[in-house]
């Protein structure tokens, strides 16, 4: 698929998206059960990941039917950055 993929959302979705990606490490490192911010950002992530097939990126994100959630796959380019980060941490 080429071109632009339009995903509609509310102002609250956009705020959650900014929160999610600007503060990902902080959100996940102190996540508590029932945390409302984590719940909103997790819900938004699921919503965004649900468009993966429409975007032609189903190799990047997979849906686990047993858990009922989407997860990044090894095909996702993020893994390259995680590996690079891990390598750099070992050299410090």
Foldseek 3Di string as FASTA:
>chain_A
DDDDDDDDDDPLLVVLVCCCVVCVVVCVVPPDPPPPSNVSNQVSVQVVLVCCVVVVNCQQWDADPVVGGIDGDPPHPVVVVVVVVVVVVVVD
